[in-house]
Amino acid sequence: MTECVNKAILVGHLDADPVVKRTKDDKLLVTFTLVTTETWRNKDGGERHKLQFHKIAIFHETLAKRRSPPRFSMRPRAAVCGPAVSAFWQTGH
């Protein structure tokens, strides 16, 4: 049987400075938005762009300490590698 791997690699730019805070159980959490861009040419030769905004959360204590500001600054190129986890929710009406 073939083994499956849940791994995503994203390379893009930070949308804003990362936010560093502590969870209720006092663990370090770093969150930021990574923007990726897909570029292509349409049939008329015009260049088209599609932006995607990825919400990233780093819960790993050691990694979060290494990635905390001031090492991050707005709009640098950044790469993120880790498991892909999707979260969906509905608002109550």
PDB file of N, CA and C in Angstrom:
ATOM      1  N   MET A   1       0.840  -1.187   0.000  1.00  0.00           N
ATOM      2  CA  MET A   1       0.000   0.000   0.000  1.00  0.00           C
ATOM      3  C   MET A   1       0.881   1.245   0.000  1.00  0.00           C
ATOM      4  N   THR A   2       0.500   2.207  -0.775  1.00  0.00           N
ATOM      5  CA  THR A   2       1.230   3.467  -0.853  1.00  0.00           C
ATOM      6  C   THR A   2       0.936   4.307   0.380  1.00  0.00           C
ATOM      7  N   GLU A   3       1.996   4.876   0.952  1.00  0.00           N
ATOM      8  CA  GLU A   3       1.809   5.749   2.116  1.00  0.00           C
ATOM      9  C   GLU A   3       1.480   7.161   1.646  1.00  0.00           C
ATOM     10  N   CYS A   4       0.641   7.826   2.395  1.00  0.00           N
ATOM     11  CA  CYS A   4       0.265   9.202   2.090  1.00  0.00           C
ATOM     12  C   CYS A   4       0.968  10.142   3.063  1.00  0.00           C
ATOM     13  N   VAL A   5       1.313  11.310   2.583  1.00  0.00           N
ATOM     14  CA  VAL A   5       1.993  12.299   3.409  1.00  0.00           C
ATOM     15  C   VAL A   5       1.182  13.590   3.369  1.00  0.00           C
ATOM     16  N   ASN A   6       0.910  14.145   4.544  1.00  0.00           N
ATOM     17  CA  ASN A   6       0.204  15.421   4.630  1.00  0.00           C
ATOM     18  C   ASN A   6       1.256  16.501   4.848  1.00  0.00           C
ATOM     19  N   LYS A   7       1.719  17.114   3.766  1.00  0.00           N
ATOM     20  CA  LYS A   7       2.756  18.126   3.856  1.00  0.00           C
ATOM     21  C   LYS A   7       2.480  19.208   2.825  1.00  0.00           C
ATOM     22  N   ALA A   8       2.549  20.445   3.257  1.00  0.00           N
ATOM     23  CA  ALA A   8       2.339  21.578   2.352  1.00  0.00           C
ATOM     24  C   ALA A   8       3.563  22.489   2.415  1.00  0.00           C
ATOM     25  N   ILE A   9       3.962  22.999   1.273  1.00  0.00           N
ATOM     26  CA  ILE A   9       5.053  23.975   1.191  1.00  0.00           C
ATOM     27  C   ILE A   9       4.494  25.218   0.505  1.00  0.00           C
ATOM     28  N   LEU A  10       4.517  26.331   1.212  1.00  0.00           N
ATOM     29  CA  LEU A  10       4.025  27.597   0.665  1.00  0.00           C
ATOM     30  C   LEU A  10       5.173  28.599   0.640  1.00  0.00           C
ATOM     31  N   VAL A  11       5.325  29.295  -0.461  1.00  0.00           N
ATOM     32  CA  VAL A  11       6.322  30.367  -0.579  1.00  0.00           C
ATOM     33  C   VAL A  11       5.576  31.607  -1.029  1.00  0.00           C
ATOM     34  N   GLY A  12       5.696  32.672  -0.279  1.00  0.00           N
ATOM     35  CA  GLY A  12       4.982  33.899  -0.603  1.00  0.00           C
ATOM     36  C   GLY A  12       5.524  35.079   0.179  1.00  0.00           C
ATOM     37  N   HIS A  13       4.646  36.027   0.443  1.00  0.00           N
ATOM     38  CA  HIS A  13       5.016  37.237   1.178  1.00  0.00           C
ATOM     39  C   HIS A  13       4.085  37.405   2.366  1.00  0.00           C
ATOM     40  N   LEU A  14       4.615  37.985   3.441  1.00  0.00           N
ATOM     41  CA  LEU A  14       3.784  38.265   4.603  1.00  0.00           C
ATOM     42  C   LEU A  14       2.858  39.435   4.292  1.00  0.00           C
ATOM     43  N   ASP A  15       1.606  39.303   4.703  1.00  0.00           N
ATOM     44  CA  ASP A  15       0.618  40.359   4.487  1.00  0.00           C
ATOM     45  C   ASP A  15       0.774  41.478   5.514  1.00  0.00           C
ATOM     46  N   ALA A  16       1.204  41.118   6.713  1.00  0.00           N
ATOM     47  CA  ALA A  16       1.382  42.082   7.810  1.00  0.00           C
ATOM     48  C   ALA A  16       2.355  41.463   8.808  1.00  0.00           C
ATOM     49  N   ASP A  17       2.768  42.257   9.770  1.00  0.00           N
ATOM     50  CA  ASP A  17       3.664  41.728  10.795  1.00  0.00           C
ATOM     51  C   ASP A  17       2.986  40.601  11.570  1.00  0.00           C
ATOM     52  N   PRO A  18       3.735  39.563  11.926  1.00  0.00           N
ATOM     53  CA  PRO A  18       3.162  38.463  12.710  1.00  0.00           C
ATOM     54  C   PRO A  18       2.687  38.939  14.082  1.00  0.00           C
ATOM     55  N   VAL A  19       1.694  38.248  14.609  1.00  0.00           N
ATOM     56  CA  VAL A  19       1.166  38.536  15.940  1.00  0.00           C
ATOM     57  C   VAL A  19       1.654  37.426  16.867  1.00  0.00           C
ATOM     58  N   VAL A  20       2.290  37.827  17.960  1.00  0.00           N
ATOM     59  CA  VAL A  20       2.803  36.868  18.934  1.00  0.00           C
ATOM     60  C   VAL A  20       1.986  37.010  20.209  1.00  0.00           C
ATOM     61  N   LYS A  21       1.454  35.882  20.680  1.00  0.00           N
ATOM     62  CA  LYS A  21       0.688  35.918  21.931  1.00  0.00           C
ATOM     63  C   LYS A  21       0.795  34.564  22.621  1.00  0.00           C
ATOM     64  N   ARG A  22       0.217  34.492  23.797  1.00  0.00           N
ATOM     65  CA  ARG A  22       0.194  33.255  24.581  1.00  0.00           C
ATOM     66  C   ARG A  22      -1.223  32.696  24.602  1.00  0.00           C
ATOM     67  N   THR A  23      -1.328  31.367  24.551  1.00  0.00           N
ATOM     68  CA  THR A  23      -2.625  30.714  24.646  1.00  0.00           C
ATOM     69  C   THR A  23      -3.055  30.678  26.110  1.00  0.00           C
ATOM     70  N   LYS A  24      -4.272  30.175  26.374  1.00  0.00           N
ATOM     71  CA  LYS A  24      -4.762  30.089  27.755  1.00  0.00           C
ATOM     72  C   LYS A  24      -3.886  29.206  28.627  1.00  0.00           C
ATOM     73  N   ASP A  25      -3.271  28.186  28.007  1.00  0.00           N
ATOM     74  CA  ASP A  25      -2.375  27.317  28.782  1.00  0.00           C
ATOM     75  C   ASP A  25      -0.914  27.759  28.671  1.00  0.00           C
ATOM     76  N   ASP A  26      -0.688  29.046  28.365  1.00  0.00           N
ATOM     77  CA  ASP A  26       0.609  29.723  28.379  1.00  0.00           C
ATOM     78  C   ASP A  26       1.599  29.191  27.341  1.00  0.00           C
ATOM     79  N   LYS A  27       1.114  28.697  26.205  1.00  0.00           N
ATOM     80  CA  LYS A  27       2.002  28.287  25.117  1.00  0.00           C
ATOM     81  C   LYS A  27       2.127  29.442  24.129  1.00  0.00           C
ATOM     82  N   LEU A  28       3.311  29.563  23.558  1.00  0.00           N
ATOM     83  CA  LEU A  28       3.574  30.635  22.607  1.00  0.00           C
ATOM     84  C   LEU A  28       2.882  30.339  21.276  1.00  0.00           C
ATOM     85  N   LEU A  29       2.229  31.344  20.693  1.00  0.00           N
ATOM     86  CA  LEU A  29       1.522  31.212  19.428  1.00  0.00           C
ATOM     87  C   LEU A  29       1.891  32.390  18.539  1.00  0.00           C
ATOM     88  N   VAL A  30       2.325  32.093  17.323  1.00  0.00           N
ATOM     89  CA  VAL A  30       2.629  33.126  16.331  1.00  0.00           C
ATOM     90  C   VAL A  30       1.666  32.930  15.162  1.00  0.00           C
ATOM     91  N   THR A  31       0.944  33.977  14.779  1.00  0.00           N
ATOM     92  CA  THR A  31       0.024  33.903  13.648  1.00  0.00           C
ATOM     93  C   THR A  31       0.365  34.991  12.632  1.00  0.00           C
ATOM     94  N   PHE A  32       0.181  34.655  11.365  1.00  0.00           N
ATOM     95  CA  PHE A  32       0.397  35.627  10.302  1.00  0.00           C
ATOM     96  C   PHE A  32      -0.314  35.138   9.046  1.00  0.00           C
ATOM     97  N   THR A  33      -0.415  36.012   8.064  1.00  0.00           N
ATOM     98  CA  THR A  33      -1.015  35.668   6.782  1.00  0.00           C
ATOM     99  C   THR A  33       0.074  35.656   5.721  1.00  0.00           C
ATOM    100  N   LEU A  34       0.146  34.558   4.988  1.00  0.00           N
ATOM    101  CA  LEU A  34       1.093  34.421   3.893  1.00  0.00           C
ATOM    102  C   LEU A  34       0.314  34.555   2.587  1.00  0.00           C
ATOM    103  N   VAL A  35       0.778  35.435   1.706  1.00  0.00           N
ATOM    104  CA  VAL A  35       0.095  35.680   0.434  1.00  0.00           C
ATOM    105  C   VAL A  35       0.883  35.002  -0.683  1.00  0.00           C
ATOM    106  N   THR A  36       0.206  34.128  -1.442  1.00  0.00           N
ATOM    107  CA  THR A  36       0.824  33.500  -2.609  1.00  0.00           C
ATOM    108  C   THR A  36       0.147  34.043  -3.863  1.00  0.00           C
ATOM    109  N   THR A  37       0.902  34.063  -4.956  1.00  0.00           N
ATOM    110  CA  THR A  37       0.399  34.617  -6.209  1.00  0.00           C
ATOM    111  C   THR A  37       0.565  33.603  -7.336  1.00  0.00           C
ATOM    112  N   GLU A  38      -0.491  33.420  -8.097  1.00  0.00           N
ATOM    113  CA  GLU A  38      -0.433  32.608  -9.313  1.00  0.00           C
ATOM    114  C   GLU A  38      -0.538  33.580 -10.485  1.00  0.00           C
ATOM    115  N   THR A  39       0.379  33.467 -11.454  1.00  0.00           N
ATOM    116  CA  THR A  39       0.406  34.372 -12.595  1.00  0.00           C
ATOM    117  C   THR A  39       0.318  33.565 -13.889  1.00  0.00           C
ATOM    118  N   TRP A  40      -0.485  34.044 -14.841  1.00  0.00           N
ATOM    119  CA  TRP A  40      -0.592  33.391 -16.133  1.00  0.00           C
ATOM    120  C   TRP A  40      -0.994  34.419 -17.182  1.00  0.00           C
ATOM    121  N   ARG A  41      -0.917  34.019 -18.432  1.00  0.00           N
ATOM    122  CA  ARG A  41      -1.335  34.884 -19.539  1.00  0.00           C
ATOM    123  C   ARG A  41      -2.653  34.353 -20.097  1.00  0.00           C
ATOM    124  N   ASN A  42      -3.594  35.266 -20.319  1.00  0.00           N
ATOM    125  CA  ASN A  42      -4.864  34.860 -20.923  1.00  0.00           C
ATOM    126  C   ASN A  42      -4.683  34.714 -22.435  1.00  0.00           C
ATOM    127  N   LYS A  43      -5.732  34.306 -23.124  1.00  0.00           N
ATOM    128  CA  LYS A  43      -5.594  34.057 -24.567  1.00  0.00           C
ATOM    129  C   LYS A  43      -5.329  35.319 -25.373  1.00  0.00           C
ATOM    130  N   ASP A  44      -5.591  36.496 -24.807  1.00  0.00           N
ATOM    131  CA  ASP A  44      -5.282  37.758 -25.479  1.00  0.00           C
ATOM    132  C   ASP A  44      -3.856  38.222 -25.208  1.00  0.00           C
ATOM    133  N   GLY A  45      -3.108  37.450 -24.426  1.00  0.00           N
ATOM    134  CA  GLY A  45      -1.727  37.807 -24.118  1.00  0.00           C
ATOM    135  C   GLY A  45      -1.572  38.669 -22.881  1.00  0.00           C
ATOM    136  N   GLY A  46      -2.690  39.039 -22.245  1.00  0.00           N
ATOM    137  CA  GLY A  46      -2.626  39.859 -21.038  1.00  0.00           C
ATOM    138  C   GLY A  46      -2.234  39.022 -19.819  1.00  0.00           C
ATOM    139  N   GLU A  47      -1.487  39.619 -18.940  1.00  0.00           N
ATOM    140  CA  GLU A  47      -1.049  38.921 -17.722  1.00  0.00           C
ATOM    141  C   GLU A  47      -2.134  38.973 -16.658  1.00  0.00           C
ATOM    142  N   ARG A  48      -2.419  37.848 -16.041  1.00  0.00           N
ATOM    143  CA  ARG A  48      -3.442  37.742 -14.993  1.00  0.00           C
ATOM    144  C   ARG A  48      -2.777  37.268 -13.701  1.00  0.00           C
ATOM    145  N   HIS A  49      -3.333  37.688 -12.574  1.00  0.00           N
ATOM    146  CA  HIS A  49      -2.814  37.303 -11.263  1.00  0.00           C
ATOM    147  C   HIS A  49      -3.958  36.830 -10.385  1.00  0.00           C
ATOM    148  N   LYS A  50      -3.682  35.834  -9.582  1.00  0.00           N
ATOM    149  CA  LYS A  50      -4.649  35.372  -8.584  1.00  0.00           C
ATOM    150  C   LYS A  50      -3.911  35.289  -7.251  1.00  0.00           C
ATOM    151  N   LEU A  51      -4.388  36.058  -6.273  1.00  0.00           N
ATOM    152  CA  LEU A  51      -3.794  36.050  -4.938  1.00  0.00           C
ATOM    153  C   LEU A  51      -4.569  35.088  -4.036  1.00  0.00           C
ATOM    154  N   GLN A  52      -3.844  34.372  -3.193  1.00  0.00           N
ATOM    155  CA  GLN A  52      -4.475  33.548  -2.173  1.00  0.00           C
ATOM    156  C   GLN A  52      -3.861  33.924  -0.831  1.00  0.00           C
ATOM    157  N   PHE A  53      -4.712  34.043   0.183  1.00  0.00           N
ATOM    158  CA  PHE A  53      -4.284  34.432   1.519  1.00  0.00           C
ATOM    159  C   PHE A  53      -4.389  33.208   2.427  1.00  0.00           C
ATOM    160  N   HIS A  54      -3.263  32.815   3.019  1.00  0.00           N
ATOM    161  CA  HIS A  54      -3.198  31.626   3.865  1.00  0.00           C
ATOM    162  C   HIS A  54      -2.946  32.063   5.312  1.00  0.00           C
ATOM    163  N   LYS A  55      -3.846  31.701   6.205  1.00  0.00           N
ATOM    164  CA  LYS A  55      -3.670  31.999   7.632  1.00  0.00           C
ATOM    165  C   LYS A  55      -2.754  30.938   8.225  1.00  0.00           C
ATOM    166  N   ILE A  56      -1.638  31.357   8.797  1.00  0.00           N
ATOM    167  CA  ILE A  56      -0.641  30.443   9.351  1.00  0.00           C
ATOM    168  C   ILE A  56      -0.600  30.614  10.866  1.00  0.00           C
ATOM    169  N   ALA A  57      -0.554  29.496  11.581  1.00  0.00           N
ATOM    170  CA  ALA A  57      -0.411  29.506  13.044  1.00  0.00           C
ATOM    171  C   ALA A  57       0.738  28.584  13.413  1.00  0.00           C
ATOM    172  N   ILE A  58       1.695  29.107  14.165  1.00  0.00           N
ATOM    173  CA  ILE A  58       2.825  28.311  14.641  1.00  0.00           C
ATOM    174  C   ILE A  58       2.632  28.096  16.140  1.00  0.00           C
ATOM    175  N   PHE A  59       2.443  26.828  16.526  1.00  0.00           N
ATOM    176  CA  PHE A  59       2.245  26.484  17.929  1.00  0.00           C
ATOM    177  C   PHE A  59       3.498  25.913  18.571  1.00  0.00           C
ATOM    178  N   HIS A  60       4.466  25.495  17.776  1.00  0.00           N
ATOM    179  CA  HIS A  60       5.682  24.868  18.292  1.00  0.00           C
ATOM    180  C   HIS A  60       6.509  25.902  19.055  1.00  0.00           C
ATOM    181  N   GLU A  61       6.748  25.665  20.331  1.00  0.00           N
ATOM    182  CA  GLU A  61       7.389  26.663  21.206  1.00  0.00           C
ATOM    183  C   GLU A  61       8.747  27.125  20.675  1.00  0.00           C
ATOM    184  N   THR A  62       9.635  26.205  20.334  1.00  0.00           N
ATOM    185  CA  THR A  62      10.974  26.582  19.874  1.00  0.00           C
ATOM    186  C   THR A  62      10.911  27.309  18.541  1.00  0.00           C
ATOM    187  N   LEU A  63      10.130  26.803  17.610  1.00  0.00           N
ATOM    188  CA  LEU A  63      10.009  27.438  16.306  1.00  0.00           C
ATOM    189  C   LEU A  63       9.355  28.807  16.430  1.00  0.00           C
ATOM    190  N   ALA A  64       8.340  28.920  17.266  1.00  0.00           N
ATOM    191  CA  ALA A  64       7.665  30.203  17.458  1.00  0.00           C
ATOM    192  C   ALA A  64       8.640  31.249  18.018  1.00  0.00           C
ATOM    193  N   LYS A  65       9.522  30.833  18.919  1.00  0.00           N
ATOM    194  CA  LYS A  65      10.510  31.781  19.465  1.00  0.00           C
ATOM    195  C   LYS A  65      11.467  32.251  18.378  1.00  0.00           C
ATOM    196  N   ARG A  66      11.874  31.351  17.477  1.00  0.00           N
ATOM    197  CA  ARG A  66      12.796  31.730  16.398  1.00  0.00           C
ATOM    198  C   ARG A  66      12.132  32.644  15.395  1.00  0.00           C
ATOM    199  N   ARG A  67      10.819  32.523  15.186  1.00  0.00           N
ATOM    200  CA  ARG A  67      10.126  33.289  14.166  1.00  0.00           C
ATOM    201  C   ARG A  67       9.460  34.542  14.710  1.00  0.00           C
ATOM    202  N   SER A  68       9.669  34.858  15.961  1.00  0.00           N
ATOM    203  CA  SER A  68       9.036  36.037  16.548  1.00  0.00           C
ATOM    204  C   SER A  68       9.709  37.305  16.038  1.00  0.00           C
ATOM    205  N   PRO A  69       8.990  38.431  16.004  1.00  0.00           N
ATOM    206  CA  PRO A  69       9.632  39.695  15.644  1.00  0.00           C
ATOM    207  C   PRO A  69      10.775  39.967  16.611  1.00  0.00           C
ATOM    208  N   PRO A  70      11.849  40.630  16.234  1.00  0.00           N
ATOM    209  CA  PRO A  70      11.990  41.427  15.019  1.00  0.00           C
ATOM    210  C   PRO A  70      12.527  40.666  13.808  1.00  0.00           C
ATOM    211  N   ARG A  71      12.696  39.359  13.853  1.00  0.00           N
ATOM    212  CA  ARG A  71      13.237  38.623  12.709  1.00  0.00           C
ATOM    213  C   ARG A  71      12.284  38.640  11.518  1.00  0.00           C
ATOM    214  N   PHE A  72      10.999  38.769  11.758  1.00  0.00           N
ATOM    215  CA  PHE A  72      10.025  38.925  10.680  1.00  0.00           C
ATOM    216  C   PHE A  72       9.767  40.409  10.526  1.00  0.00           C
ATOM    217  N   SER A  73       9.640  40.865   9.335  1.00  0.00           N
ATOM    218  CA  SER A  73       9.183  42.229   9.104  1.00  0.00           C
ATOM    219  C   SER A  73       8.211  42.188   7.938  1.00  0.00           C
ATOM    220  N   MET A  74       7.444  43.235   7.780  1.00  0.00           N
ATOM    221  CA  MET A  74       6.364  43.227   6.807  1.00  0.00           C
ATOM    222  C   MET A  74       6.860  43.039   5.375  1.00  0.00           C
ATOM    223  N   ARG A  75       6.177  42.195   4.639  1.00  0.00           N
ATOM    224  CA  ARG A  75       6.341  41.917   3.224  1.00  0.00           C
ATOM    225  C   ARG A  75       7.635  41.218   2.798  1.00  0.00           C
ATOM    226  N   PRO A  76       8.358  40.536   3.675  1.00  0.00           N
ATOM    227  CA  PRO A  76       9.501  39.789   3.145  1.00  0.00           C
ATOM    228  C   PRO A  76       9.005  38.485   2.531  1.00  0.00           C
ATOM    229  N   ARG A  77       9.820  37.905   1.712  1.00  0.00           N
ATOM    230  CA  ARG A  77       9.503  36.591   1.153  1.00  0.00           C
ATOM    231  C   ARG A  77       9.676  35.571   2.277  1.00  0.00           C
ATOM    232  N   ALA A  78       8.757  34.646   2.377  1.00  0.00           N
ATOM    233  CA  ALA A  78       8.796  33.651   3.444  1.00  0.00           C
ATOM    234  C   ALA A  78       8.358  32.300   2.895  1.00  0.00           C
ATOM    235  N   ALA A  79       8.873  31.236   3.495  1.00  0.00           N
ATOM    236  CA  ALA A  79       8.474  29.881   3.133  1.00  0.00           C
ATOM    237  C   ALA A  79       7.996  29.167   4.391  1.00  0.00           C
ATOM    238  N   VAL A  80       6.920  28.400   4.248  1.00  0.00           N
ATOM    239  CA  VAL A  80       6.341  27.657   5.360  1.00  0.00           C
ATOM    240  C   VAL A  80       6.178  26.207   4.905  1.00  0.00           C
ATOM    241  N   CYS A  81       6.578  25.291   5.751  1.00  0.00           N
ATOM    242  CA  CYS A  81       6.443  23.873   5.443  1.00  0.00           C
ATOM    243  C   CYS A  81       5.832  23.178   6.652  1.00  0.00           C
ATOM    244  N   GLY A  82       4.803  22.369   6.431  1.00  0.00           N
ATOM    245  CA  GLY A  82       4.178  21.660   7.538  1.00  0.00           C
ATOM    246  C   GLY A  82       2.919  20.962   7.088  1.00  0.00           C
ATOM    247  N   PRO A  83       2.200  20.352   8.013  1.00  0.00           N
ATOM    248  CA  PRO A  83       0.974  19.655   7.639  1.00  0.00           C
ATOM    249  C   PRO A  83      -0.113  20.646   7.224  1.00  0.00           C
ATOM    250  N   ALA A  84      -0.907  20.255   6.253  1.00  0.00           N
ATOM    251  CA  ALA A  84      -2.029  21.083   5.812  1.00  0.00           C
ATOM    252  C   ALA A  84      -3.233  20.749   6.679  1.00  0.00           C
ATOM    253  N   VAL A  85      -3.775  21.763   7.346  1.00  0.00           N
ATOM    254  CA  VAL A  85      -4.947  21.594   8.205  1.00  0.00           C
ATOM    255  C   VAL A  85      -5.961  22.646   7.800  1.00  0.00           C
ATOM    256  N   SER A  86      -7.164  22.225   7.507  1.00  0.00           N
ATOM    257  CA  SER A  86      -8.234  23.159   7.125  1.00  0.00           C
ATOM    258  C   SER A  86      -9.212  23.309   8.262  1.00  0.00           C
ATOM    259  N   ALA A  87      -9.677  24.510   8.478  1.00  0.00           N
ATOM    260  CA  ALA A  87     -10.670  24.780   9.524  1.00  0.00           C
ATOM    261  C   ALA A  87     -11.865  25.468   8.869  1.00  0.00           C
ATOM    262  N   PHE A  88     -13.024  24.938   9.111  1.00  0.00           N
ATOM    263  CA  PHE A  88     -14.251  25.520   8.580  1.00  0.00           C
ATOM    264  C   PHE A  88     -15.202  25.787   9.747  1.00  0.00           C
ATOM    265  N   TRP A  89     -15.939  26.867   9.646  1.00  0.00           N
ATOM    266  CA  TRP A  89     -16.922  27.161  10.671  1.00  0.00           C
ATOM    267  C   TRP A  89     -18.079  27.921  10.042  1.00  0.00           C
ATOM    268  N   GLN A  90     -19.203  27.888  10.721  1.00  0.00           N
ATOM    269  CA  GLN A  90     -20.370  28.625  10.276  1.00  0.00           C
ATOM    270  C   GLN A  90     -20.768  29.577  11.360  1.00  0.00           C
ATOM    271  N   THR A  91     -21.198  30.753  10.941  1.00  0.00           N
ATOM    272  CA  THR A  91     -21.698  31.714  11.922  1.00  0.00           C
ATOM    273  C   THR A  91     -23.155  31.396  12.225  1.00  0.00           C
ATOM    274  N   GLY A  92     -23.544  31.596  13.448  1.00  0.00           N
ATOM    275  CA  GLY A  92     -24.930  31.344  13.832  1.00  0.00           C
ATOM    276  C   GLY A  92     -25.843  32.460  13.386  1.00  0.00           C
ATOM    277  N   HIS A  93     -26.932  32.107  12.747  1.00  0.00           N
ATOM    278  CA  HIS A  93     -27.900  33.119  12.301  1.00  0.00           C
ATOM    279  C   HIS A  93     -29.179  32.969  13.076  1.00  0.00           C
TER     280      HIS A  93
END
